[in-house]
N, C-alpha and C. Protein backbone atom coordinates (compact mmCIF):
# COMPACT_ATOMS: atom_id res chain seq x y z
N MET A 1 0.57 -80.51 -7.53
CA MET A 1 1.08 -81.85 -7.44
C MET A 1 2.54 -81.91 -7.88
N ARG A 2 2.82 -81.18 -8.95
CA ARG A 2 4.18 -81.19 -9.48
C ARG A 2 5.16 -80.60 -8.45
N ARG A 3 4.74 -79.54 -7.75
CA ARG A 3 5.59 -78.94 -6.71
C ARG A 3 5.92 -79.94 -5.61
N LEU A 4 4.93 -80.73 -5.24
CA LEU A 4 5.17 -81.74 -4.20
C LEU A 4 6.18 -82.77 -4.67
N ALA A 5 6.10 -83.16 -5.92
CA ALA A 5 7.04 -84.14 -6.46
C ALA A 5 8.45 -83.57 -6.48
N VAL A 6 8.60 -82.32 -6.89
CA VAL A 6 9.91 -81.66 -6.91
C VAL A 6 10.45 -81.53 -5.49
N ALA A 7 9.59 -81.13 -4.56
CA ALA A 7 10.01 -80.99 -3.17
C ALA A 7 10.45 -82.34 -2.61
N ALA A 8 9.73 -83.40 -2.95
CA ALA A 8 10.10 -84.74 -2.47
C ALA A 8 11.45 -85.15 -3.04
N LEU A 9 11.72 -84.85 -4.32
CA LEU A 9 13.01 -85.17 -4.92
C LEU A 9 14.14 -84.39 -4.26
N ILE A 10 13.90 -83.12 -4.02
CA ILE A 10 14.93 -82.30 -3.37
C ILE A 10 15.20 -82.83 -1.97
N ALA A 11 14.16 -83.17 -1.24
CA ALA A 11 14.35 -83.70 0.11
C ALA A 11 15.09 -85.03 0.08
N ALA A 12 14.74 -85.87 -0.90
CA ALA A 12 15.36 -87.20 -0.97
C ALA A 12 16.82 -87.14 -1.40
N PHE A 13 17.13 -86.25 -2.32
CA PHE A 13 18.48 -86.21 -2.87
C PHE A 13 19.26 -84.96 -2.49
N GLY A 14 18.67 -84.09 -1.71
CA GLY A 14 19.32 -82.83 -1.34
C GLY A 14 20.66 -83.02 -0.68
N GLY A 15 20.75 -83.96 0.24
CA GLY A 15 22.03 -84.21 0.91
C GLY A 15 23.09 -84.70 -0.05
N ALA A 16 22.72 -85.54 -0.98
CA ALA A 16 23.69 -86.08 -1.94
C ALA A 16 24.11 -85.03 -2.95
N ALA A 17 23.25 -84.07 -3.22
CA ALA A 17 23.57 -83.06 -4.22
C ALA A 17 24.55 -82.03 -3.68
N ARG A 18 24.55 -81.82 -2.36
CA ARG A 18 25.46 -80.85 -1.78
C ARG A 18 26.87 -81.41 -1.72
N ALA A 19 27.82 -80.56 -2.01
CA ALA A 19 29.22 -80.97 -1.88
C ALA A 19 29.58 -80.96 -0.40
N GLU A 20 30.00 -82.09 0.10
CA GLU A 20 30.34 -82.18 1.51
C GLU A 20 31.81 -81.85 1.70
N THR A 21 32.08 -81.04 2.71
CA THR A 21 33.45 -80.71 3.05
C THR A 21 33.99 -81.83 3.91
N PRO A 22 35.13 -82.42 3.51
CA PRO A 22 35.66 -83.50 4.33
C PRO A 22 36.10 -82.98 5.70
N ALA A 23 36.00 -83.85 6.67
CA ALA A 23 36.42 -83.49 8.03
C ALA A 23 37.93 -83.28 8.03
N PRO A 24 38.41 -82.34 8.83
CA PRO A 24 39.86 -82.14 8.91
C PRO A 24 40.54 -83.40 9.44
N PRO A 25 41.78 -83.62 9.04
CA PRO A 25 42.48 -84.81 9.54
C PRO A 25 42.78 -84.64 11.03
N PRO A 26 43.00 -85.76 11.72
CA PRO A 26 43.37 -85.66 13.13
C PRO A 26 44.82 -85.19 13.27
N GLU A 27 45.14 -84.67 14.45
CA GLU A 27 46.53 -84.28 14.72
C GLU A 27 47.42 -85.52 14.76
N PRO A 28 48.56 -85.48 14.11
CA PRO A 28 49.50 -86.60 14.27
C PRO A 28 50.19 -86.51 15.63
N GLU A 29 50.78 -87.60 16.07
CA GLU A 29 51.51 -87.60 17.34
C GLU A 29 52.74 -86.69 17.27
N GLY A 30 53.46 -86.79 16.17
CA GLY A 30 54.68 -85.99 16.01
C GLY A 30 54.46 -84.92 14.96
N TYR A 31 55.53 -84.60 14.24
CA TYR A 31 55.46 -83.61 13.18
C TYR A 31 55.00 -84.26 11.87
N ARG A 32 54.40 -83.45 11.02
CA ARG A 32 54.05 -83.92 9.67
C ARG A 32 55.36 -83.98 8.90
N LEU A 33 55.63 -85.11 8.25
CA LEU A 33 56.91 -85.34 7.60
C LEU A 33 56.87 -85.27 6.07
N ASP A 34 55.69 -85.18 5.50
CA ASP A 34 55.59 -85.12 4.03
C ASP A 34 54.25 -84.50 3.64
N ALA A 35 54.03 -84.35 2.34
CA ALA A 35 52.77 -83.80 1.83
C ALA A 35 52.36 -82.56 2.64
N TYR A 36 53.22 -81.58 2.63
CA TYR A 36 52.99 -80.39 3.46
C TYR A 36 51.86 -79.50 2.97
N ARG A 37 51.49 -79.60 1.70
CA ARG A 37 50.35 -78.83 1.18
C ARG A 37 49.16 -79.77 1.08
N ALA A 38 48.49 -79.94 2.20
CA ALA A 38 47.35 -80.84 2.31
C ALA A 38 46.46 -80.33 3.44
N PRO A 39 45.23 -80.81 3.50
CA PRO A 39 44.36 -80.37 4.60
C PRO A 39 45.03 -80.56 5.96
N VAL A 40 44.82 -79.59 6.83
CA VAL A 40 45.44 -79.58 8.15
C VAL A 40 44.39 -79.86 9.22
N PRO A 41 44.83 -80.25 10.42
CA PRO A 41 43.87 -80.45 11.51
C PRO A 41 43.20 -79.14 11.92
N ALA A 42 42.14 -79.25 12.65
CA ALA A 42 41.46 -78.06 13.17
C ALA A 42 42.08 -77.61 14.48
N THR A 43 42.96 -78.43 15.04
CA THR A 43 43.52 -78.17 16.37
C THR A 43 45.03 -78.34 16.37
N LEU A 44 45.64 -77.80 17.39
CA LEU A 44 47.05 -78.04 17.69
C LEU A 44 47.15 -78.05 19.20
N LYS A 45 47.33 -79.24 19.77
CA LYS A 45 47.34 -79.41 21.23
C LYS A 45 48.38 -78.49 21.86
N GLY A 46 47.93 -77.69 22.83
CA GLY A 46 48.80 -76.77 23.54
C GLY A 46 48.82 -75.37 22.97
N ALA A 47 48.26 -75.19 21.77
CA ALA A 47 48.24 -73.87 21.11
C ALA A 47 46.79 -73.38 21.00
N VAL A 48 46.66 -72.10 20.77
CA VAL A 48 45.36 -71.51 20.48
C VAL A 48 45.26 -71.40 18.96
N VAL A 49 44.16 -71.84 18.39
CA VAL A 49 43.94 -71.76 16.95
C VAL A 49 43.01 -70.58 16.68
N VAL A 50 43.43 -69.69 15.76
CA VAL A 50 42.62 -68.51 15.47
C VAL A 50 42.25 -68.45 14.00
N ASP A 51 41.15 -67.77 13.73
CA ASP A 51 40.75 -67.50 12.36
C ASP A 51 41.29 -66.12 11.95
N THR A 52 40.95 -65.68 10.76
CA THR A 52 41.48 -64.42 10.25
C THR A 52 41.05 -63.23 11.11
N SER A 53 39.82 -63.24 11.56
CA SER A 53 39.34 -62.12 12.39
C SER A 53 40.16 -61.99 13.67
N LYS A 54 40.38 -63.10 14.35
CA LYS A 54 41.16 -63.08 15.61
C LYS A 54 42.63 -62.75 15.34
N ALA A 55 43.17 -63.28 14.24
CA ALA A 55 44.56 -62.97 13.89
C ALA A 55 44.70 -61.47 13.62
N PHE A 56 43.73 -60.90 12.92
CA PHE A 56 43.77 -59.47 12.63
C PHE A 56 43.69 -58.65 13.92
N ASP A 57 42.85 -59.08 14.86
CA ASP A 57 42.76 -58.38 16.14
C ASP A 57 44.10 -58.40 16.87
N LEU A 58 44.77 -59.55 16.88
CA LEU A 58 46.09 -59.66 17.53
C LEU A 58 47.10 -58.75 16.84
N TRP A 59 47.06 -58.75 15.51
CA TRP A 59 47.99 -57.93 14.73
C TRP A 59 47.74 -56.44 14.98
N ARG A 60 46.49 -56.05 14.91
CA ARG A 60 46.14 -54.63 15.08
C ARG A 60 46.52 -54.14 16.47
N ALA A 61 46.37 -54.98 17.48
CA ALA A 61 46.71 -54.63 18.86
C ALA A 61 48.21 -54.77 19.15
N LYS A 62 48.96 -55.27 18.15
CA LYS A 62 50.40 -55.52 18.34
C LYS A 62 50.62 -56.40 19.58
N ALA A 63 49.74 -57.40 19.72
CA ALA A 63 49.74 -58.27 20.89
C ALA A 63 50.55 -59.54 20.70
N ALA A 64 51.17 -59.71 19.54
CA ALA A 64 51.91 -60.94 19.27
C ALA A 64 52.95 -60.70 18.19
N VAL A 65 53.93 -61.58 18.16
CA VAL A 65 54.91 -61.62 17.08
C VAL A 65 54.37 -62.60 16.04
N PHE A 66 54.28 -62.18 14.79
CA PHE A 66 53.81 -63.04 13.72
C PHE A 66 55.02 -63.67 13.03
N VAL A 67 54.96 -65.00 12.88
CA VAL A 67 56.07 -65.77 12.33
C VAL A 67 55.59 -66.56 11.12
N ASP A 68 56.17 -66.27 9.98
CA ASP A 68 55.87 -66.98 8.74
C ASP A 68 56.83 -68.15 8.61
N ALA A 69 56.31 -69.36 8.40
CA ALA A 69 57.13 -70.56 8.28
C ALA A 69 57.16 -71.11 6.86
N LEU A 70 56.66 -70.35 5.89
CA LEU A 70 56.64 -70.82 4.51
C LEU A 70 58.06 -71.08 4.01
N PRO A 71 58.28 -72.18 3.29
CA PRO A 71 59.62 -72.43 2.75
C PRO A 71 60.03 -71.35 1.75
N HIS A 72 61.32 -71.23 1.56
CA HIS A 72 61.87 -70.27 0.62
C HIS A 72 62.38 -71.04 -0.59
N ALA A 73 61.85 -70.73 -1.75
CA ALA A 73 62.26 -71.44 -2.96
C ALA A 73 63.66 -71.00 -3.36
N PRO A 74 64.60 -71.94 -3.44
CA PRO A 74 65.96 -71.57 -3.82
C PRO A 74 66.08 -71.37 -5.33
N LYS A 75 67.16 -70.75 -5.73
CA LYS A 75 67.44 -70.60 -7.16
C LYS A 75 67.64 -72.01 -7.73
N PRO A 76 66.93 -72.32 -8.82
CA PRO A 76 67.04 -73.66 -9.39
C PRO A 76 68.48 -73.99 -9.81
N GLU A 77 68.88 -75.21 -9.50
CA GLU A 77 70.21 -75.65 -9.90
C GLU A 77 70.24 -75.90 -11.40
N GLY A 78 71.40 -75.72 -11.98
CA GLY A 78 71.58 -76.03 -13.39
C GLY A 78 71.06 -75.00 -14.36
N LEU A 79 70.71 -73.82 -13.88
CA LEU A 79 70.27 -72.77 -14.81
C LEU A 79 71.46 -72.35 -15.67
N PRO A 80 71.24 -72.12 -16.94
CA PRO A 80 72.34 -71.61 -17.77
C PRO A 80 72.84 -70.28 -17.20
N LYS A 81 74.14 -70.04 -17.36
CA LYS A 81 74.75 -68.83 -16.78
C LYS A 81 74.07 -67.55 -17.21
N LYS A 82 73.57 -67.50 -18.42
CA LYS A 82 72.94 -66.28 -18.93
C LYS A 82 71.45 -66.20 -18.62
N ALA A 83 70.92 -67.22 -17.99
CA ALA A 83 69.49 -67.22 -17.66
C ALA A 83 69.20 -66.19 -16.57
N VAL A 84 68.12 -65.49 -16.74
CA VAL A 84 67.68 -64.52 -15.74
C VAL A 84 66.73 -65.23 -14.80
N TRP A 85 67.03 -65.16 -13.51
CA TRP A 85 66.15 -65.76 -12.51
C TRP A 85 65.74 -64.68 -11.53
N ARG A 86 64.46 -64.56 -11.36
CA ARG A 86 63.94 -63.57 -10.41
C ARG A 86 63.19 -64.32 -9.31
N GLU A 87 63.58 -64.02 -8.11
CA GLU A 87 62.94 -64.63 -6.96
C GLU A 87 61.50 -64.16 -6.86
N GLN A 88 60.60 -65.09 -6.56
CA GLN A 88 59.19 -64.74 -6.37
C GLN A 88 59.06 -63.94 -5.08
N PRO A 89 58.46 -62.75 -5.12
CA PRO A 89 58.33 -61.98 -3.87
C PRO A 89 57.35 -62.65 -2.92
N ARG A 90 57.62 -62.55 -1.63
CA ARG A 90 56.72 -63.07 -0.60
C ARG A 90 55.97 -61.90 0.00
N LEU A 91 54.67 -61.91 -0.20
CA LEU A 91 53.82 -60.88 0.42
C LEU A 91 53.35 -61.43 1.75
N ASP A 92 53.61 -60.69 2.80
CA ASP A 92 53.47 -61.18 4.15
C ASP A 92 52.65 -60.22 5.02
N ILE A 93 52.23 -60.71 6.16
CA ILE A 93 51.53 -59.88 7.14
C ILE A 93 52.54 -58.84 7.65
N PRO A 94 52.20 -57.56 7.58
CA PRO A 94 53.14 -56.52 8.00
C PRO A 94 53.70 -56.74 9.40
N GLY A 95 55.00 -56.51 9.53
CA GLY A 95 55.68 -56.64 10.81
C GLY A 95 56.11 -58.05 11.17
N SER A 96 55.77 -59.02 10.32
CA SER A 96 56.13 -60.41 10.59
C SER A 96 57.63 -60.64 10.46
N ILE A 97 58.05 -61.79 10.95
CA ILE A 97 59.39 -62.29 10.62
C ILE A 97 59.17 -63.55 9.80
N TRP A 98 60.04 -63.76 8.84
CA TRP A 98 59.94 -64.95 7.98
C TRP A 98 61.12 -65.85 8.30
N LEU A 99 60.82 -67.00 8.87
CA LEU A 99 61.82 -68.02 9.18
C LEU A 99 61.55 -69.21 8.26
N PRO A 100 61.99 -69.10 7.00
CA PRO A 100 61.66 -70.15 6.03
C PRO A 100 62.29 -71.49 6.38
N ASP A 101 61.62 -72.52 5.92
CA ASP A 101 62.10 -73.90 6.02
C ASP A 101 62.10 -74.43 7.44
N THR A 102 61.52 -73.72 8.39
CA THR A 102 61.50 -74.16 9.78
C THR A 102 60.25 -74.97 10.12
N GLY A 103 59.42 -75.21 9.12
CA GLY A 103 58.21 -75.98 9.34
C GLY A 103 58.27 -77.38 8.78
N PHE A 104 59.42 -77.78 8.26
CA PHE A 104 59.53 -79.17 7.81
C PHE A 104 59.47 -80.08 9.03
N GLY A 105 59.13 -81.34 8.83
CA GLY A 105 59.00 -82.28 9.93
C GLY A 105 60.30 -82.59 10.62
N ALA A 106 61.36 -82.65 9.85
CA ALA A 106 62.70 -82.90 10.40
C ALA A 106 63.59 -81.75 9.94
N LEU A 107 64.34 -81.17 10.88
CA LEU A 107 65.22 -80.05 10.56
C LEU A 107 66.68 -80.45 10.73
N SER A 108 67.52 -79.86 9.90
CA SER A 108 68.95 -80.02 10.09
C SER A 108 69.34 -79.26 11.36
N GLU A 109 70.51 -79.54 11.88
CA GLU A 109 70.97 -78.81 13.08
C GLU A 109 71.05 -77.32 12.80
N ALA A 110 71.51 -76.96 11.61
CA ALA A 110 71.63 -75.54 11.26
C ALA A 110 70.27 -74.86 11.20
N THR A 111 69.28 -75.53 10.62
CA THR A 111 67.94 -74.93 10.53
C THR A 111 67.28 -74.87 11.90
N GLN A 112 67.50 -75.87 12.72
CA GLN A 112 66.97 -75.84 14.10
C GLN A 112 67.57 -74.66 14.86
N ALA A 113 68.88 -74.46 14.73
CA ALA A 113 69.54 -73.33 15.42
C ALA A 113 69.03 -72.00 14.87
N TYR A 114 68.82 -71.91 13.56
CA TYR A 114 68.26 -70.71 12.92
C TYR A 114 66.88 -70.40 13.51
N PHE A 115 66.05 -71.42 13.65
CA PHE A 115 64.71 -71.27 14.21
C PHE A 115 64.78 -70.77 15.65
N GLU A 116 65.60 -71.42 16.45
CA GLU A 116 65.73 -71.04 17.87
C GLU A 116 66.22 -69.61 18.02
N LYS A 117 67.25 -69.24 17.25
CA LYS A 117 67.78 -67.87 17.33
C LYS A 117 66.77 -66.85 16.82
N GLY A 118 66.05 -67.20 15.76
CA GLY A 118 65.04 -66.29 15.22
C GLY A 118 63.93 -66.01 16.21
N LEU A 119 63.46 -67.05 16.90
CA LEU A 119 62.40 -66.85 17.90
C LEU A 119 62.92 -66.07 19.10
N ALA A 120 64.13 -66.39 19.53
CA ALA A 120 64.71 -65.67 20.68
C ALA A 120 64.84 -64.18 20.37
N LYS A 121 65.31 -63.88 19.18
CA LYS A 121 65.46 -62.47 18.78
C LYS A 121 64.10 -61.78 18.67
N ALA A 122 63.13 -62.45 18.03
CA ALA A 122 61.81 -61.85 17.81
C ALA A 122 61.06 -61.60 19.11
N THR A 123 61.30 -62.43 20.12
CA THR A 123 60.58 -62.30 21.40
C THR A 123 61.39 -61.60 22.47
N GLY A 124 62.62 -61.20 22.15
CA GLY A 124 63.47 -60.63 23.18
C GLY A 124 63.78 -61.66 24.25
N GLN A 125 63.83 -62.92 23.85
CA GLN A 125 64.09 -64.07 24.72
C GLN A 125 63.02 -64.27 25.79
N ASP A 126 61.83 -63.79 25.50
CA ASP A 126 60.70 -63.94 26.42
C ASP A 126 59.82 -65.08 25.92
N LYS A 127 59.93 -66.24 26.52
CA LYS A 127 59.19 -67.41 26.06
C LYS A 127 57.70 -67.35 26.39
N LYS A 128 57.28 -66.29 27.08
CA LYS A 128 55.86 -66.10 27.36
C LYS A 128 55.20 -65.16 26.35
N LYS A 129 56.01 -64.54 25.50
CA LYS A 129 55.48 -63.61 24.49
C LYS A 129 54.64 -64.39 23.47
N ALA A 130 53.52 -63.83 23.08
CA ALA A 130 52.64 -64.50 22.12
C ALA A 130 53.30 -64.57 20.74
N LEU A 131 53.24 -65.76 20.16
CA LEU A 131 53.77 -66.01 18.81
C LEU A 131 52.64 -66.55 17.95
N VAL A 132 52.40 -65.94 16.80
CA VAL A 132 51.39 -66.41 15.86
C VAL A 132 52.11 -67.01 14.66
N PHE A 133 51.93 -68.30 14.45
CA PHE A 133 52.57 -69.00 13.34
C PHE A 133 51.59 -69.16 12.19
N TYR A 134 52.08 -68.94 10.98
CA TYR A 134 51.23 -69.06 9.79
C TYR A 134 52.10 -69.33 8.56
N CYS A 135 51.45 -69.70 7.48
CA CYS A 135 52.07 -69.74 6.14
C CYS A 135 50.93 -69.53 5.14
N LEU A 136 50.38 -70.60 4.58
CA LEU A 136 49.27 -70.52 3.64
C LEU A 136 48.15 -71.43 4.13
N THR A 137 47.00 -71.36 3.48
CA THR A 137 45.92 -72.29 3.78
C THR A 137 46.37 -73.70 3.38
N ASN A 138 45.99 -74.67 4.20
CA ASN A 138 46.36 -76.07 3.95
C ASN A 138 47.86 -76.25 3.80
N CYS A 139 48.58 -75.68 4.74
CA CYS A 139 50.04 -75.79 4.75
C CYS A 139 50.46 -76.24 6.15
N TRP A 140 51.09 -77.40 6.20
CA TRP A 140 51.51 -77.97 7.47
C TRP A 140 52.74 -77.28 8.05
N MET A 141 53.40 -76.43 7.30
CA MET A 141 54.63 -75.79 7.78
C MET A 141 54.37 -74.98 9.06
N SER A 142 53.29 -74.22 9.09
CA SER A 142 53.01 -73.41 10.28
C SER A 142 52.60 -74.30 11.45
N TRP A 143 51.89 -75.37 11.18
CA TRP A 143 51.50 -76.31 12.24
C TRP A 143 52.75 -76.90 12.88
N ASN A 144 53.67 -77.40 12.04
CA ASN A 144 54.92 -77.98 12.55
C ASN A 144 55.74 -76.94 13.32
N ALA A 145 55.86 -75.73 12.77
CA ALA A 145 56.67 -74.70 13.42
C ALA A 145 56.08 -74.31 14.78
N ALA A 146 54.77 -74.19 14.85
CA ALA A 146 54.12 -73.86 16.12
C ALA A 146 54.34 -74.98 17.14
N LYS A 147 54.21 -76.21 16.70
CA LYS A 147 54.44 -77.36 17.59
C LYS A 147 55.89 -77.36 18.07
N ARG A 148 56.80 -77.05 17.17
CA ARG A 148 58.23 -77.02 17.52
C ARG A 148 58.51 -75.91 18.53
N ALA A 149 57.87 -74.75 18.37
CA ALA A 149 58.07 -73.65 19.32
C ALA A 149 57.62 -74.08 20.72
N MET A 150 56.52 -74.80 20.80
CA MET A 150 56.06 -75.27 22.11
C MET A 150 57.08 -76.25 22.72
N SER A 151 57.70 -77.07 21.88
CA SER A 151 58.70 -78.02 22.39
C SER A 151 59.93 -77.29 22.92
N LEU A 152 60.12 -76.04 22.47
CA LEU A 152 61.25 -75.22 22.95
C LEU A 152 60.89 -74.42 24.20
N GLY A 153 59.67 -74.58 24.68
CA GLY A 153 59.27 -73.92 25.92
C GLY A 153 58.46 -72.65 25.73
N TYR A 154 58.11 -72.29 24.49
CA TYR A 154 57.25 -71.12 24.28
C TYR A 154 55.85 -71.48 24.73
N SER A 155 55.28 -70.67 25.60
CA SER A 155 54.03 -71.04 26.26
C SER A 155 52.80 -70.30 25.75
N ASN A 156 52.97 -69.36 24.84
CA ASN A 156 51.84 -68.58 24.34
C ASN A 156 51.84 -68.67 22.81
N VAL A 157 51.61 -69.88 22.32
CA VAL A 157 51.68 -70.16 20.89
C VAL A 157 50.29 -70.13 20.28
N VAL A 158 50.18 -69.41 19.17
CA VAL A 158 48.93 -69.27 18.43
C VAL A 158 49.19 -69.78 17.01
N TRP A 159 48.25 -70.55 16.50
CA TRP A 159 48.36 -71.05 15.12
C TRP A 159 47.25 -70.44 14.30
N TYR A 160 47.64 -69.86 13.17
CA TYR A 160 46.70 -69.22 12.24
C TYR A 160 46.72 -70.02 10.93
N PRO A 161 45.86 -71.04 10.80
CA PRO A 161 45.95 -71.95 9.66
C PRO A 161 45.58 -71.34 8.30
N GLN A 162 44.83 -70.27 8.24
CA GLN A 162 44.48 -69.68 6.94
C GLN A 162 45.64 -68.89 6.35
N GLY A 163 46.55 -68.44 7.17
CA GLY A 163 47.76 -67.75 6.72
C GLY A 163 47.48 -66.58 5.80
N THR A 164 48.44 -66.29 4.95
CA THR A 164 48.31 -65.12 4.08
C THR A 164 47.18 -65.27 3.07
N ASP A 165 46.76 -66.51 2.77
CA ASP A 165 45.61 -66.68 1.88
C ASP A 165 44.35 -66.11 2.53
N GLY A 166 44.12 -66.45 3.78
CA GLY A 166 42.96 -65.93 4.51
C GLY A 166 43.07 -64.44 4.75
N TRP A 167 44.28 -63.99 5.04
CA TRP A 167 44.54 -62.57 5.29
C TRP A 167 44.22 -61.75 4.03
N ALA A 168 44.72 -62.20 2.89
CA ALA A 168 44.51 -61.48 1.62
C ALA A 168 43.03 -61.52 1.21
N ALA A 169 42.35 -62.63 1.48
CA ALA A 169 40.94 -62.75 1.13
C ALA A 169 40.09 -61.70 1.86
N GLU A 170 40.52 -61.30 3.04
CA GLU A 170 39.82 -60.26 3.81
C GLU A 170 40.33 -58.86 3.47
N LYS A 171 41.24 -58.80 2.51
CA LYS A 171 41.80 -57.52 2.04
C LYS A 171 42.58 -56.78 3.13
N HIS A 172 43.20 -57.53 4.04
CA HIS A 172 44.07 -56.93 5.04
C HIS A 172 45.41 -56.61 4.37
N PRO A 173 46.17 -55.67 4.92
CA PRO A 173 47.41 -55.26 4.25
C PRO A 173 48.46 -56.37 4.22
N LEU A 174 49.24 -56.35 3.17
CA LEU A 174 50.38 -57.25 3.01
C LEU A 174 51.58 -56.41 2.61
N GLU A 175 52.76 -56.91 2.91
CA GLU A 175 53.97 -56.22 2.48
C GLU A 175 55.01 -57.26 2.07
N GLU A 176 55.90 -56.84 1.19
CA GLU A 176 56.94 -57.76 0.73
C GLU A 176 57.91 -58.04 1.88
N ARG A 177 58.30 -59.30 1.97
CA ARG A 177 59.18 -59.74 3.07
C ARG A 177 60.34 -60.56 2.50
N LYS A 178 61.47 -60.37 3.11
CA LYS A 178 62.66 -61.18 2.83
C LYS A 178 62.87 -62.09 4.04
N PRO A 179 63.47 -63.26 3.83
CA PRO A 179 63.73 -64.14 4.97
C PRO A 179 64.69 -63.50 5.97
N GLU A 180 64.54 -63.88 7.23
CA GLU A 180 65.51 -63.47 8.23
C GLU A 180 66.86 -64.03 7.82
N PRO A 181 67.92 -63.25 7.93
CA PRO A 181 69.23 -63.73 7.48
C PRO A 181 69.72 -64.91 8.33
N ARG A 182 70.42 -65.78 7.65
CA ARG A 182 71.08 -66.90 8.34
C ARG A 182 72.51 -66.51 8.58
N GLU A 183 73.08 -67.01 9.65
CA GLU A 183 74.49 -66.67 9.95
C GLU A 183 75.43 -67.38 9.01
């Protein structure tokens, strides 16, 4: 009898006891303009969305150019002259290019030009070459950068929303990366 009572309680309250994962937000019409570290949509219209397994397959086959859109933290202003500041290393998917700050919702003319030149160089000016955009989990920077690449006419855009967090969780290789130089 006691088992039946426990089973009835579990059945009645089982759904409430489980932590529910909120549904991903819908895609915005334009670019995300703020709160860049927040849950991301499950889709990106016009792009292919891949998980870590598919991203790894693309990487292993050398079938795409991987583009990191994570921002680059600048040296803090106002540090005392004798203060030692060490830049945080960026561990990245091997062979990637890092085009920092290109995933913000609005770009300066200089950053837009940097993005365009970086993609042109990475693809050999082939707008049909596959591009995989990523940064971190729950980071809108890669979503914005992938959307921006499509607006520039790149037709084989892939978005990898788990980024280096998902990559590292699967114990895939990472290597230290420096940003692509700006002119």
